[in-house]
N, C-alpha and C. Protein backbone atom coordinates (compact mmCIF):
# COMPACT_ATOMS: atom_id res chain seq x y z
N MET A 1 0.94 -0.84 0.01
CA MET A 1 0.05 -0.10 -0.13
C MET A 1 0.92 1.43 -0.07
N PHE A 2 0.53 2.53 -0.81
CA PHE A 2 1.36 3.35 -0.72
C PHE A 2 0.37 4.49 -0.21
N TYR A 3 0.83 5.54 0.17
CA TYR A 3 0.32 7.11 0.57
C TYR A 3 0.84 8.04 -0.05
N LEU A 4 0.17 8.77 -0.59
CA LEU A 4 0.84 10.26 -1.25
C LEU A 4 0.15 11.02 -0.36
N SER A 5 0.91 11.77 0.28
CA SER A 5 0.62 13.01 1.03
C SER A 5 0.90 14.27 0.05
N PHE A 6 0.05 15.16 -0.11
CA PHE A 6 0.25 16.84 -0.51
C PHE A 6 -0.09 17.48 0.82
N ASN A 7 0.65 18.26 1.41
CA ASN A 7 0.74 18.85 2.68
C ASN A 7 1.09 20.59 2.09
N GLY A 8 0.74 21.15 2.94
CA GLY A 8 0.67 22.72 2.76
C GLY A 8 0.41 23.42 1.19
N MET A 9 -0.60 22.88 0.68
CA MET A 9 -1.26 23.83 -0.38
C MET A 9 -2.12 25.16 0.15
N GLU A 10 -1.55 26.16 -0.52
CA GLU A 10 -2.11 27.34 0.14
C GLU A 10 -2.72 27.76 -1.25
N PHE A 11 -3.85 28.43 -0.18
CA PHE A 11 -4.93 29.11 -1.35
C PHE A 11 -5.56 30.58 -0.56
N LEU A 12 -5.46 31.85 -1.28
CA LEU A 12 -5.85 33.00 -1.03
C LEU A 12 -7.48 32.81 -1.96
N ALA A 13 -8.40 32.84 -1.16
CA ALA A 13 -10.01 32.44 -1.28
C ALA A 13 -10.76 33.14 -0.98
N CYS A 14 -12.14 33.42 -1.68
CA CYS A 14 -13.29 33.94 -1.10
C CYS A 14 -14.35 33.04 -0.76
N HIS A 15 -13.97 32.51 0.64
CA HIS A 15 -15.29 31.57 1.07
C HIS A 15 -15.61 31.68 2.63
N GLY A 16 -16.69 31.89 2.95
CA GLY A 16 -17.36 31.90 4.09
C GLY A 16 -18.74 32.10 4.33
N VAL A 17 -19.57 32.34 5.31
CA VAL A 17 -20.76 32.56 5.32
C VAL A 17 -21.01 34.36 5.33
N LEU A 18 -20.06 34.99 6.08
CA LEU A 18 -20.12 36.42 6.02
C LEU A 18 -20.09 37.19 5.13
N PRO A 19 -20.27 38.23 4.96
CA PRO A 19 -20.60 39.12 3.65
C PRO A 19 -18.89 39.53 3.41
N GLU A 20 -18.01 39.65 4.10
CA GLU A 20 -16.51 40.46 3.99
C GLU A 20 -16.13 39.09 3.75
N GLU A 21 -16.03 37.67 4.12
CA GLU A 21 -15.46 36.72 3.73
C GLU A 21 -15.32 36.11 1.97
N LYS A 22 -16.78 36.69 1.64
CA LYS A 22 -17.26 36.35 0.21
C LYS A 22 -16.47 37.84 -0.88
N GLU A 23 -16.00 38.80 -0.12
CA GLU A 23 -15.38 39.93 -0.75
C GLU A 23 -13.82 39.87 -0.80
N THR A 24 -12.94 39.78 0.10
CA THR A 24 -11.93 39.60 0.91
C THR A 24 -11.40 38.28 1.07
N PRO A 25 -10.07 37.83 0.02
CA PRO A 25 -9.49 36.37 -0.07
C PRO A 25 -8.86 36.42 1.48
N GLN A 26 -9.32 34.89 1.90
CA GLN A 26 -8.41 34.53 3.21
C GLN A 26 -7.80 33.26 2.87
N LYS A 27 -6.40 33.11 3.83
CA LYS A 27 -5.74 32.04 3.69
C LYS A 27 -6.51 30.76 4.19
N PHE A 28 -6.17 29.59 3.23
CA PHE A 28 -6.60 28.48 3.28
C PHE A 28 -5.59 27.52 3.05
N MET A 29 -5.46 26.54 4.03
CA MET A 29 -4.47 25.44 3.78
C MET A 29 -5.11 24.22 3.47
N VAL A 30 -4.59 23.34 2.59
CA VAL A 30 -5.22 22.07 2.32
C VAL A 30 -4.21 20.97 2.11
N ASP A 31 -4.17 20.05 2.80
CA ASP A 31 -3.72 18.85 2.85
C ASP A 31 -4.34 17.59 2.75
N ILE A 32 -3.71 16.64 1.47
CA ILE A 32 -4.54 15.45 1.01
C ILE A 32 -3.46 13.99 1.64
N ARG A 33 -3.95 13.22 1.62
CA ARG A 33 -3.82 11.87 1.84
C ARG A 33 -4.12 10.87 0.72
N ILE A 34 -3.56 10.29 -0.15
CA ILE A 34 -4.13 9.66 -1.09
C ILE A 34 -3.84 8.07 -1.00
N GLU A 35 -4.13 7.36 -0.67
CA GLU A 35 -4.05 5.72 -0.27
C GLU A 35 -4.18 4.97 -1.96
N THR A 36 -3.21 4.44 -2.27
CA THR A 36 -3.35 3.70 -3.36
C THR A 36 -2.40 2.51 -3.68
N ASP A 37 -2.70 1.38 -4.31
CA ASP A 37 -2.09 -0.13 -4.41
C ASP A 37 -1.78 -0.37 -5.75
N GLN A 38 -1.99 1.03 -6.67
CA GLN A 38 -1.94 0.95 -8.01
C GLN A 38 -0.64 1.58 -8.63
N ILE A 39 0.27 1.93 -7.61
CA ILE A 39 1.56 2.58 -8.39
C ILE A 39 2.73 1.63 -8.19
N ILE A 40 2.66 0.13 -8.04
CA ILE A 40 3.25 -0.44 -7.50
C ILE A 40 4.31 -0.46 -8.87
N GLU A 41 4.24 -0.68 -9.90
CA GLU A 41 4.81 -0.51 -11.16
C GLU A 41 5.31 0.86 -10.96
N ALA A 42 5.16 1.72 -10.70
CA ALA A 42 6.08 3.25 -10.31
C ALA A 42 7.52 3.11 -9.79
N ALA A 43 6.98 2.32 -8.69
CA ALA A 43 8.25 2.26 -7.57
C ALA A 43 8.91 0.98 -7.87
N ASN A 44 8.35 0.00 -8.72
CA ASN A 44 9.48 -1.11 -9.46
C ASN A 44 10.07 -0.81 -10.11
N THR A 45 9.58 0.14 -11.22
CA THR A 45 10.45 0.60 -12.49
C THR A 45 10.89 1.91 -12.30
N ASP A 46 10.61 2.87 -11.21
CA ASP A 46 11.36 4.41 -11.48
C ASP A 46 10.77 5.00 -12.52
N ASN A 47 9.47 4.45 -13.14
CA ASN A 47 9.28 5.09 -14.44
C ASN A 47 7.90 5.98 -14.07
N ILE A 48 7.62 7.39 -14.76
CA ILE A 48 6.61 8.00 -14.18
C ILE A 48 5.37 7.92 -14.77
N LYS A 49 5.37 7.16 -16.24
CA LYS A 49 4.00 6.75 -16.73
C LYS A 49 3.40 6.09 -15.97
N TYR A 50 3.89 5.10 -14.74
CA TYR A 50 2.94 4.53 -13.91
C TYR A 50 2.66 5.21 -12.55
N ALA A 51 3.10 6.60 -12.27
CA ALA A 51 3.07 6.85 -11.23
C ALA A 51 1.59 7.89 -11.25
N LEU A 52 1.12 8.56 -9.92
CA LEU A 52 -0.36 9.28 -10.15
C LEU A 52 0.10 10.60 -10.30
N ASP A 53 -0.28 11.34 -11.36
CA ASP A 53 -0.15 12.69 -12.01
C ASP A 53 0.17 13.80 -10.43
N TYR A 54 1.12 14.17 -10.06
CA TYR A 54 1.07 15.04 -8.95
C TYR A 54 0.57 16.26 -9.24
N VAL A 55 0.99 16.96 -10.67
CA VAL A 55 0.70 18.19 -11.22
C VAL A 55 -0.85 18.01 -11.23
N GLY A 56 -1.65 16.99 -11.44
CA GLY A 56 -2.63 16.99 -12.07
C GLY A 56 -3.93 17.09 -11.21
N VAL A 57 -3.38 16.16 -9.57
CA VAL A 57 -3.68 16.40 -8.40
C VAL A 57 -3.74 17.81 -7.85
N TYR A 58 -2.76 18.47 -7.78
CA TYR A 58 -2.71 19.84 -7.40
C TYR A 58 -3.71 20.94 -7.70
N GLU A 59 -3.72 20.40 -9.34
CA GLU A 59 -4.68 21.83 -10.42
C GLU A 59 -5.92 21.46 -10.13
N LYS A 60 -6.23 20.12 -9.54
CA LYS A 60 -7.73 19.69 -9.45
C LYS A 60 -8.08 20.50 -8.23
N VAL A 61 -7.29 20.42 -6.74
CA VAL A 61 -7.69 20.90 -5.47
C VAL A 61 -7.73 22.46 -6.38
N LYS A 62 -6.78 23.07 -6.43
CA LYS A 62 -6.54 24.41 -7.15
C LYS A 62 -7.82 24.98 -7.59
N ASP A 63 -8.34 24.25 -8.49
CA ASP A 63 -9.45 24.64 -9.29
C ASP A 63 -10.79 24.86 -8.31
N ILE A 64 -10.86 23.45 -7.88
CA ILE A 64 -11.96 23.52 -6.53
C ILE A 64 -11.79 24.76 -5.67
N MET A 65 -10.99 25.16 -5.49
CA MET A 65 -10.84 26.16 -4.26
C MET A 65 -11.08 27.60 -4.65
N MET A 66 -10.22 27.93 -6.08
CA MET A 66 -10.08 29.13 -6.71
C MET A 66 -11.32 29.29 -7.33
N ASN A 67 -11.81 28.34 -7.80
CA ASN A 67 -13.32 28.45 -9.20
C ASN A 67 -14.49 28.29 -8.59
N ASN A 68 -14.80 28.04 -7.13
CA ASN A 68 -15.88 27.94 -6.21
C ASN A 68 -16.02 28.97 -5.51
N GLN A 69 -16.88 29.30 -4.94
CA GLN A 69 -17.17 29.80 -3.33
C GLN A 69 -18.23 29.16 -2.72
N TRP A 70 -17.50 28.59 -1.46
CA TRP A 70 -18.21 27.78 -0.53
C TRP A 70 -18.76 28.65 0.48
N ASN A 71 -19.74 28.10 1.19
CA ASN A 71 -19.79 28.71 2.73
C ASN A 71 -18.90 28.03 3.86
N LEU A 72 -18.76 27.09 3.72
CA LEU A 72 -18.02 26.04 4.59
C LEU A 72 -17.12 25.31 4.71
N ILE A 73 -15.87 24.94 5.51
CA ILE A 73 -14.75 24.06 4.90
C ILE A 73 -15.45 23.09 5.06
N GLU A 74 -16.12 22.47 5.41
CA GLU A 74 -16.92 21.07 5.78
C GLU A 74 -17.26 20.67 4.02
N THR A 75 -17.72 21.51 3.19
CA THR A 75 -17.89 21.39 1.50
C THR A 75 -16.93 21.23 1.05
N MET A 76 -15.80 22.20 1.54
CA MET A 76 -14.69 22.34 0.35
C MET A 76 -13.98 20.92 0.55
N ALA A 77 -13.90 20.21 1.87
CA ALA A 77 -12.94 19.00 2.19
C ALA A 77 -13.88 18.07 1.48
N ALA A 78 -15.14 17.65 1.48
CA ALA A 78 -16.10 17.10 0.91
C ALA A 78 -15.63 17.01 -0.75
N ALA A 79 -15.82 18.01 -1.23
CA ALA A 79 -15.46 18.39 -2.94
C ALA A 79 -14.25 17.75 -3.23
N ILE A 80 -12.79 18.29 -2.51
CA ILE A 80 -12.45 17.92 -2.82
C ILE A 80 -11.91 16.17 -2.98
N SER A 81 -12.23 15.84 -1.73
CA SER A 81 -11.88 13.93 -1.89
C SER A 81 -13.05 13.49 -3.00
N THR A 82 -14.12 13.72 -2.92
CA THR A 82 -14.67 13.11 -3.67
C THR A 82 -14.58 13.24 -5.26
N THR A 83 -13.90 14.46 -5.71
CA THR A 83 -13.44 14.89 -7.07
C THR A 83 -12.55 14.10 -7.28
N LEU A 84 -11.06 14.04 -6.17
CA LEU A 84 -10.54 13.15 -6.68
C LEU A 84 -10.63 11.67 -7.09
N MET A 85 -11.26 11.32 -5.76
CA MET A 85 -11.84 10.18 -6.26
C MET A 85 -12.43 9.50 -7.45
N GLU A 86 -13.15 10.51 -7.91
CA GLU A 86 -13.85 10.30 -9.38
C GLU A 86 -13.00 10.49 -10.02
N LYS A 87 -11.96 11.54 -10.14
CA LYS A 87 -10.80 11.75 -11.57
C LYS A 87 -10.18 10.52 -11.23
N TYR A 88 -9.74 9.82 -10.23
CA TYR A 88 -8.55 9.00 -10.54
C TYR A 88 -9.19 7.61 -9.85
N ASP A 89 -10.29 6.99 -10.28
CA ASP A 89 -11.18 6.17 -9.60
C ASP A 89 -10.62 5.01 -9.63
N GLU A 90 -9.04 4.61 -10.81
CA GLU A 90 -8.63 3.82 -11.35
C GLU A 90 -7.39 3.56 -10.16
N MET A 91 -7.22 4.48 -9.88
CA MET A 91 -6.02 5.03 -9.00
C MET A 91 -6.08 4.72 -7.49
N ILE A 92 -6.94 5.05 -6.69
CA ILE A 92 -7.31 5.64 -5.71
C ILE A 92 -8.34 4.44 -4.81
N ILE A 93 -7.82 4.22 -3.40
CA ILE A 93 -8.47 3.57 -2.84
C ILE A 93 -9.40 4.42 -1.78
N SER A 94 -8.48 5.66 -1.49
CA SER A 94 -9.17 6.55 -0.52
C SER A 94 -8.50 7.85 -0.48
N VAL A 95 -9.17 9.03 0.07
CA VAL A 95 -8.63 10.30 -0.40
C VAL A 95 -9.09 10.71 1.02
N TYR A 96 -8.34 11.46 1.68
CA TYR A 96 -8.40 12.05 3.25
C TYR A 96 -8.09 13.64 2.85
N THR A 97 -8.75 14.36 3.11
CA THR A 97 -8.61 15.91 2.99
C THR A 97 -8.91 16.18 3.83
N ARG A 98 -7.95 17.67 4.82
CA ARG A 98 -7.71 18.42 5.64
C ARG A 98 -8.01 19.74 4.95
N VAL A 99 -9.14 20.55 5.57
CA VAL A 99 -8.92 21.91 4.70
C VAL A 99 -8.97 23.00 6.19
N THR A 100 -8.20 23.90 6.30
CA THR A 100 -7.86 24.62 7.08
C THR A 100 -8.05 26.05 6.89
N LYS A 101 -8.96 27.18 7.53
CA LYS A 101 -9.29 28.33 7.32
C LYS A 101 -8.15 28.51 8.30
N MET A 102 -7.34 29.74 8.21
CA MET A 102 -5.89 30.27 8.50
C MET A 102 -6.57 30.80 9.91
N ASN A 103 -7.21 31.99 9.67
CA ASN A 103 -7.86 33.21 10.31
C ASN A 103 -9.29 33.57 10.20
N PRO A 104 -10.02 32.84 10.63
CA PRO A 104 -11.37 32.57 10.84
C PRO A 104 -11.96 33.98 11.72
N PRO A 105 -12.87 34.55 11.04
CA PRO A 105 -13.35 36.03 11.79
C PRO A 105 -14.17 35.68 12.92
N ILE A 106 -13.34 35.18 13.84
CA ILE A 106 -14.01 34.77 15.13
C ILE A 106 -13.40 35.88 16.42
N GLU A 107 -13.93 36.93 16.97
CA GLU A 107 -13.32 38.01 17.84
C GLU A 107 -12.69 37.19 19.06
N GLY A 108 -11.44 37.28 19.12
CA GLY A 108 -10.49 36.97 20.62
C GLY A 108 -10.25 35.47 20.25
N PHE A 109 -10.30 35.02 18.86
CA PHE A 109 -9.72 33.67 18.29
C PHE A 109 -8.48 33.60 17.62
N VAL A 110 -7.23 33.14 18.15
CA VAL A 110 -6.59 33.50 17.17
C VAL A 110 -5.73 32.44 16.62
N GLY A 111 -6.39 31.17 16.44
CA GLY A 111 -6.15 29.94 15.85
C GLY A 111 -6.38 29.92 14.82
N ASN A 112 -6.46 28.52 14.10
CA ASN A 112 -7.28 28.20 13.02
C ASN A 112 -8.47 27.46 12.92
N ILE A 113 -9.20 26.86 12.06
CA ILE A 113 -10.21 25.75 12.05
C ILE A 113 -9.82 25.13 11.32
N SER A 114 -9.93 23.67 11.34
CA SER A 114 -9.87 22.59 10.24
C SER A 114 -11.04 21.74 10.34
N CYS A 115 -11.25 21.22 8.93
CA CYS A 115 -12.23 20.14 8.93
C CYS A 115 -11.43 19.00 8.15
N GLU A 116 -11.85 17.69 8.54
CA GLU A 116 -11.59 16.46 7.64
C GLU A 116 -12.39 15.51 7.60
N TYR A 117 -12.23 15.05 5.87
CA TYR A 117 -12.98 14.16 5.42
C TYR A 117 -12.27 13.08 4.75
N SER A 118 -12.94 12.03 4.95
CA SER A 118 -12.22 10.89 4.06
C SER A 118 -13.38 10.42 3.15
N ALA A 119 -12.88 9.68 1.94
CA ALA A 119 -13.86 9.44 0.64
C ALA A 119 -13.03 7.93 0.55
N PHE A 120 -14.05 7.01 0.46
CA PHE A 120 -13.71 5.52 -0.05
C PHE A 120 -14.40 5.04 -1.45
N ALA A 121 -13.10 4.35 -1.88
CA ALA A 121 -13.56 3.46 -2.92
C ALA A 121 -14.62 2.68 -2.86
N PRO A 122 -15.24 2.03 -3.60
CA PRO A 122 -16.38 1.34 -3.28
C PRO A 122 -15.84 -0.32 -3.11
N ARG A 123 -15.75 -1.21 -2.40
CA ARG A 123 -15.13 -2.43 -2.06
C ARG A 123 -16.05 -3.33 -2.47
N GLU A 124 -15.50 -4.47 -2.82
CA GLU A 124 -16.06 -5.75 -2.55
C GLU A 124 -16.33 -6.24 -1.27
N GLU A 125 -17.69 -7.20 -1.16
CA GLU A 125 -18.03 -7.56 0.01
C GLU A 125 -17.07 -8.58 0.51
N GLY A 126 -16.58 -7.81 2.06
CA GLY A 126 -15.38 -8.93 2.47
C GLY A 126 -14.00 -8.28 2.70
N ASP A 127 -13.88 -7.18 1.91
CA ASP A 127 -12.47 -6.16 1.71
C ASP A 127 -12.51 -6.08 3.15
N PHE A 128 -11.21 -5.17 3.58
CA PHE A 128 -10.71 -4.59 4.41
C PHE A 128 -10.66 -3.41 4.30
N TYR A 129 -11.18 -2.46 5.11
CA TYR A 129 -10.46 -0.84 5.20
C TYR A 129 -9.76 -0.48 5.97
N ASP A 130 -8.65 0.01 6.12
CA ASP A 130 -7.67 0.77 6.44
C ASP A 130 -8.03 2.37 6.85
N ILE A 131 -8.51 2.63 8.11
CA ILE A 131 -9.13 3.76 8.44
C ILE A 131 -8.27 4.10 9.58
N ASP A 132 -7.40 5.20 9.35
CA ASP A 132 -6.54 6.18 10.60
C ASP A 132 -6.67 5.28 12.13
N ASN A 133 -5.46 4.23 11.59
CA ASN A 133 -5.00 3.64 12.60
C ASN A 133 -6.15 2.46 13.37
N GLU A 134 -7.02 2.27 12.48
CA GLU A 134 -8.28 1.13 12.77
C GLU A 134 -8.48 0.44 11.74
N TYR A 135 -8.58 -1.00 11.54
CA TYR A 135 -9.26 -1.86 10.56
C TYR A 135 -10.60 -1.73 10.73
N ALA A 136 -11.08 -2.13 9.50
CA ALA A 136 -12.66 -2.41 9.41
C ALA A 136 -13.46 -2.94 8.43
N TYR A 137 -14.49 -3.93 8.30
CA TYR A 137 -15.11 -4.40 7.39
C TYR A 137 -16.60 -3.92 7.43
N GLU A 138 -16.93 -4.59 6.45
CA GLU A 138 -18.66 -4.67 6.22
C GLU A 138 -18.96 -6.11 6.60
N ASP A 139 -20.08 -6.06 7.33
CA ASP A 139 -20.99 -7.11 7.56
C ASP A 139 -21.76 -7.52 6.70
N ASP A 140 -22.61 -8.90 6.94
CA ASP A 140 -23.27 -9.28 5.89
C ASP A 140 -24.55 -7.86 5.77
N ASP A 141 -24.92 -7.08 6.59
CA ASP A 141 -25.83 -5.98 6.37
C ASP A 141 -25.54 -4.75 6.11
N GLY A 142 -23.95 -4.62 5.42
CA GLY A 142 -23.33 -3.39 5.37
C GLY A 142 -23.34 -2.46 6.24
N ASN A 143 -23.16 -2.80 7.40
CA ASN A 143 -22.39 -2.28 8.47
C ASN A 143 -20.51 -2.32 8.81
N LEU A 144 -20.36 -0.99 9.06
CA LEU A 144 -19.03 -1.02 9.02
C LEU A 144 -18.60 -1.33 10.36
N ILE A 145 -17.89 -2.38 10.32
CA ILE A 145 -17.11 -2.97 11.95
C ILE A 145 -15.41 -2.60 11.86
N SER A 146 -15.49 -1.59 12.92
CA SER A 146 -14.03 -1.09 13.44
C SER A 146 -13.21 -1.79 14.38
N PHE A 147 -12.01 -2.00 14.46
CA PHE A 147 -11.27 -2.60 15.44
C PHE A 147 -10.08 -1.77 15.29
N PRO A 148 -9.36 -1.71 16.29
CA PRO A 148 -7.91 -0.67 16.62
C PRO A 148 -7.09 -1.48 16.07
N ARG A 149 -6.21 -0.81 15.40
CA ARG A 149 -4.98 -1.52 14.82
C ARG A 149 -3.99 -1.85 15.74
N LEU A 150 -3.63 -3.13 16.03
CA LEU A 150 -2.30 -3.64 16.95
C LEU A 150 -1.11 -3.44 16.43
């Protein structure tokens, strides 16, 4: 299993609920982690033609952040994960996305606010998922049963 992380993608964009957020660009940071098992050939051959297109991934995230106007970081995180899953569906098992609003307009609050979202490719019945330090599987009724990784 391979994990590709794109950390610290910074965007100045107009997202938010307040009118001033829709007019004045704010700083957002986006981090994604892509899980894939389809790039083993790239690792074995050191040939870029078998690798995930890093520039294409970044450009898709940039397009989502810069060419839309979202009220919520929750919507942004879900849009990024699901869009990447759709675009690279043959290569990606899961996409974890964290969108951080670096300076939310909250009086007296000097930190940042993040939303994290994960999207998973459809699985065959009985396949195991690997979810943030837990393993999980679907039971016969489609319920996700998880347990900690030892």
